Amino acid sequence: MSVLRMRDNIERWLIHEGLSFEEVKNTENSFQILVKHAGQYGIPVEIFEPKAQSGVIVVGAKAIMKNNQIARYLGFNEEEKEIFEKKVSDFCNSIHAINKIITEDGKQKIEVYFVLEDKENINQQTVFDATDKVSECMKKLQDF
């Protein structure tokens, strides 16, 4: 399926579900869409195709660490940061999500992603199932 066709399909599915979204410019991705309120918890979710992985659709979200968590994290030495990142990674693995800790807009964030690799079976249902999983994971991550 072509990039343009996949993006058009995803946009059509979002419109069909009554979800508001916007296109995001990102040079690393063929396309990127930000869904403003997705899943059962109404969180912002990104859907994109990495340029380096044609035919792969990624559905993910970012959790901003709370100020006290950021202060604590920034005060960690390298070993303590590795231990913290391993705990977050182990937790995300337990809920079958890919994760990464990043700094963006001056804030520490935890990204959680689900990767849809079987382009023959990427359809409205699989995209919304992944969106629901991301929403649920973000809720569990916030409770973690």
Protein backbone atom coordinates (compact mmCIF):
# COMPACT_ATOMS: atom_id res chain seq x y z
CA MET A 1 0.00 0.00 0.00
CA SER A 2 1.43 3.40 -0.93
CA VAL A 3 2.26 5.98 1.72
CA LEU A 4 -0.32 8.40 0.35
CA ARG A 5 -3.01 5.74 0.28
CA MET A 6 -2.23 4.59 3.84
CA ARG A 7 -2.32 8.18 5.14
CA ASP A 8 -5.60 8.81 3.30
CA ASN A 9 -7.09 5.60 4.74
CA ILE A 10 -6.09 6.51 8.28
CA GLU A 11 -7.49 10.02 7.91
CA ARG A 12 -10.74 8.59 6.49
CA TRP A 13 -11.01 6.15 9.43
CA LEU A 14 -10.43 8.96 11.93
CA ILE A 15 -13.10 11.11 10.27
CA HIS A 16 -15.48 8.13 10.27
CA GLU A 17 -14.93 7.74 14.04
CA GLY A 18 -15.46 11.49 14.59
CA LEU A 19 -11.93 12.03 15.94
CA SER A 20 -10.18 15.37 15.50
CA PHE A 21 -6.63 15.23 14.19
CA GLU A 22 -3.93 17.26 12.51
CA GLU A 23 -0.98 16.50 10.29
CA VAL A 24 2.42 16.90 11.94
CA LYS A 25 5.55 17.72 9.96
CA ASN A 26 8.41 15.40 10.85
CA THR A 27 11.30 14.80 8.46
CA GLU A 28 11.91 11.31 9.89
CA ASN A 29 8.43 10.09 8.90
CA SER A 30 6.64 9.67 5.58
CA PHE A 31 3.54 11.01 7.31
CA GLN A 32 2.53 11.72 10.89
CA ILE A 33 -0.92 12.38 12.28
CA LEU A 34 -1.72 13.61 15.79
CA VAL A 35 -5.10 12.40 17.02
CA LYS A 36 -6.10 14.88 19.72
CA HIS A 37 -8.32 12.64 21.92
CA ALA A 38 -7.98 8.91 21.26
CA GLY A 39 -8.82 5.68 23.02
CA GLN A 40 -10.88 5.23 26.12
CA TYR A 41 -8.81 7.77 28.08
CA GLY A 42 -8.91 10.50 25.40
CA ILE A 43 -5.17 11.03 25.17
CA PRO A 44 -3.21 12.53 22.26
CA VAL A 45 -1.95 9.69 20.03
CA GLU A 46 0.45 9.84 17.10
CA ILE A 47 0.11 7.59 14.06
CA PHE A 48 3.02 7.59 11.61
CA GLU A 49 5.09 5.71 9.09
CA PRO A 50 8.87 6.00 9.61
CA LYS A 51 10.70 6.75 6.36
CA ALA A 52 13.26 4.10 7.32
CA GLN A 53 10.53 1.44 7.60
CA SER A 54 8.20 1.72 4.64
CA GLY A 55 4.91 -0.10 5.19
CA VAL A 56 5.22 -0.05 8.98
CA ILE A 57 2.66 1.96 10.92
CA VAL A 58 3.50 3.11 14.44
CA VAL A 59 0.83 4.15 16.95
CA GLY A 60 2.14 5.85 20.06
CA ALA A 61 1.84 8.48 22.75
CA LYS A 62 4.03 10.47 25.11
CA ALA A 63 3.62 10.78 28.87
CA ILE A 64 5.16 13.84 30.46
CA MET A 65 6.83 13.07 33.75
CA LYS A 66 5.50 15.05 36.70
CA ASN A 67 7.71 17.94 37.90
CA ASN A 68 8.86 16.04 40.99
CA GLN A 69 9.72 13.01 38.82
CA ILE A 70 11.67 15.19 36.37
CA ALA A 71 13.61 16.83 39.22
CA ARG A 72 14.43 13.44 40.69
CA TYR A 73 15.38 11.97 37.29
CA LEU A 74 17.65 14.91 36.43
CA GLY A 75 19.38 14.50 39.79
CA PHE A 76 20.23 10.86 39.07
CA ASN A 77 23.75 9.83 38.20
CA GLU A 78 24.18 7.65 35.09
CA GLU A 79 23.78 4.38 37.04
CA GLU A 80 20.58 5.58 38.73
CA LYS A 81 19.20 6.75 35.35
CA GLU A 82 19.92 3.31 33.88
CA ILE A 83 18.14 1.60 36.80
CA PHE A 84 15.11 3.89 36.41
CA GLU A 85 15.01 3.43 32.63
CA LYS A 86 15.23 -0.35 33.08
CA LYS A 87 12.28 -0.30 35.53
CA VAL A 88 10.21 1.72 33.02
CA SER A 89 11.30 -0.58 30.19
CA ASP A 90 10.47 -3.72 32.19
CA PHE A 91 7.06 -2.30 33.01
CA CYS A 92 6.38 -1.38 29.37
CA ASN A 93 7.54 -4.83 28.26
CA SER A 94 5.09 -6.38 30.73
CA ILE A 95 2.27 -4.55 28.94
CA HIS A 96 3.76 -5.39 25.51
CA ALA A 97 4.74 -1.84 24.56
CA ILE A 98 7.92 -0.39 23.09
CA ASN A 99 9.19 2.61 25.04
CA LYS A 100 11.81 5.34 25.06
CA ILE A 101 12.63 8.14 27.51
CA ILE A 102 13.23 11.45 25.74
CA THR A 103 13.71 15.14 26.47
CA GLU A 104 11.35 17.33 24.47
CA ASP A 105 10.36 20.96 25.03
CA GLY A 106 12.52 20.96 28.17
CA LYS A 107 10.50 18.12 29.73
CA GLN A 108 11.28 14.47 30.32
CA LYS A 109 8.79 12.25 28.51
CA ILE A 110 8.19 8.56 28.18
CA GLU A 111 7.11 7.44 24.72
CA VAL A 112 5.07 4.25 24.33
CA TYR A 113 4.54 2.66 20.90
CA PHE A 114 2.86 -0.24 19.19
CA VAL A 115 4.21 -1.21 15.78
CA LEU A 116 1.94 -2.58 13.05
CA GLU A 117 4.23 -4.42 10.64
CA ASP A 118 1.92 -6.64 8.62
CA LYS A 119 0.93 -4.11 5.94
CA GLU A 120 -1.48 -6.61 4.39
CA ASN A 121 -3.50 -6.59 7.62
CA ILE A 122 -3.31 -2.92 8.56
CA ASN A 123 -6.91 -1.82 8.53
CA GLN A 124 -9.29 0.35 10.50
CA GLN A 125 -9.73 -2.29 13.22
CA THR A 126 -5.99 -2.92 13.75
CA VAL A 127 -5.24 0.82 13.89
CA PHE A 128 -8.01 1.47 16.44
CA ASP A 129 -7.05 -1.61 18.47
CA ALA A 130 -3.49 -0.23 18.66
CA THR A 131 -4.87 3.20 19.61
CA ASP A 132 -6.89 1.64 22.44
CA LYS A 133 -3.80 -0.29 23.63
CA VAL A 134 -1.72 2.90 23.65
CA SER A 135 -4.43 4.73 25.60
CA GLU A 136 -4.62 1.90 28.14
CA CYS A 137 -0.81 1.69 28.43
CA MET A 138 -0.54 5.42 29.05
CA LYS A 139 -3.09 5.12 31.86
CA LYS A 140 -1.12 2.21 33.38
CA LEU A 141 2.12 4.13 32.93
CA GLN A 142 0.69 7.17 34.73
CA ASP A 143 -0.42 4.89 37.58
CA PHE A 144 3.05 3.27 37.62
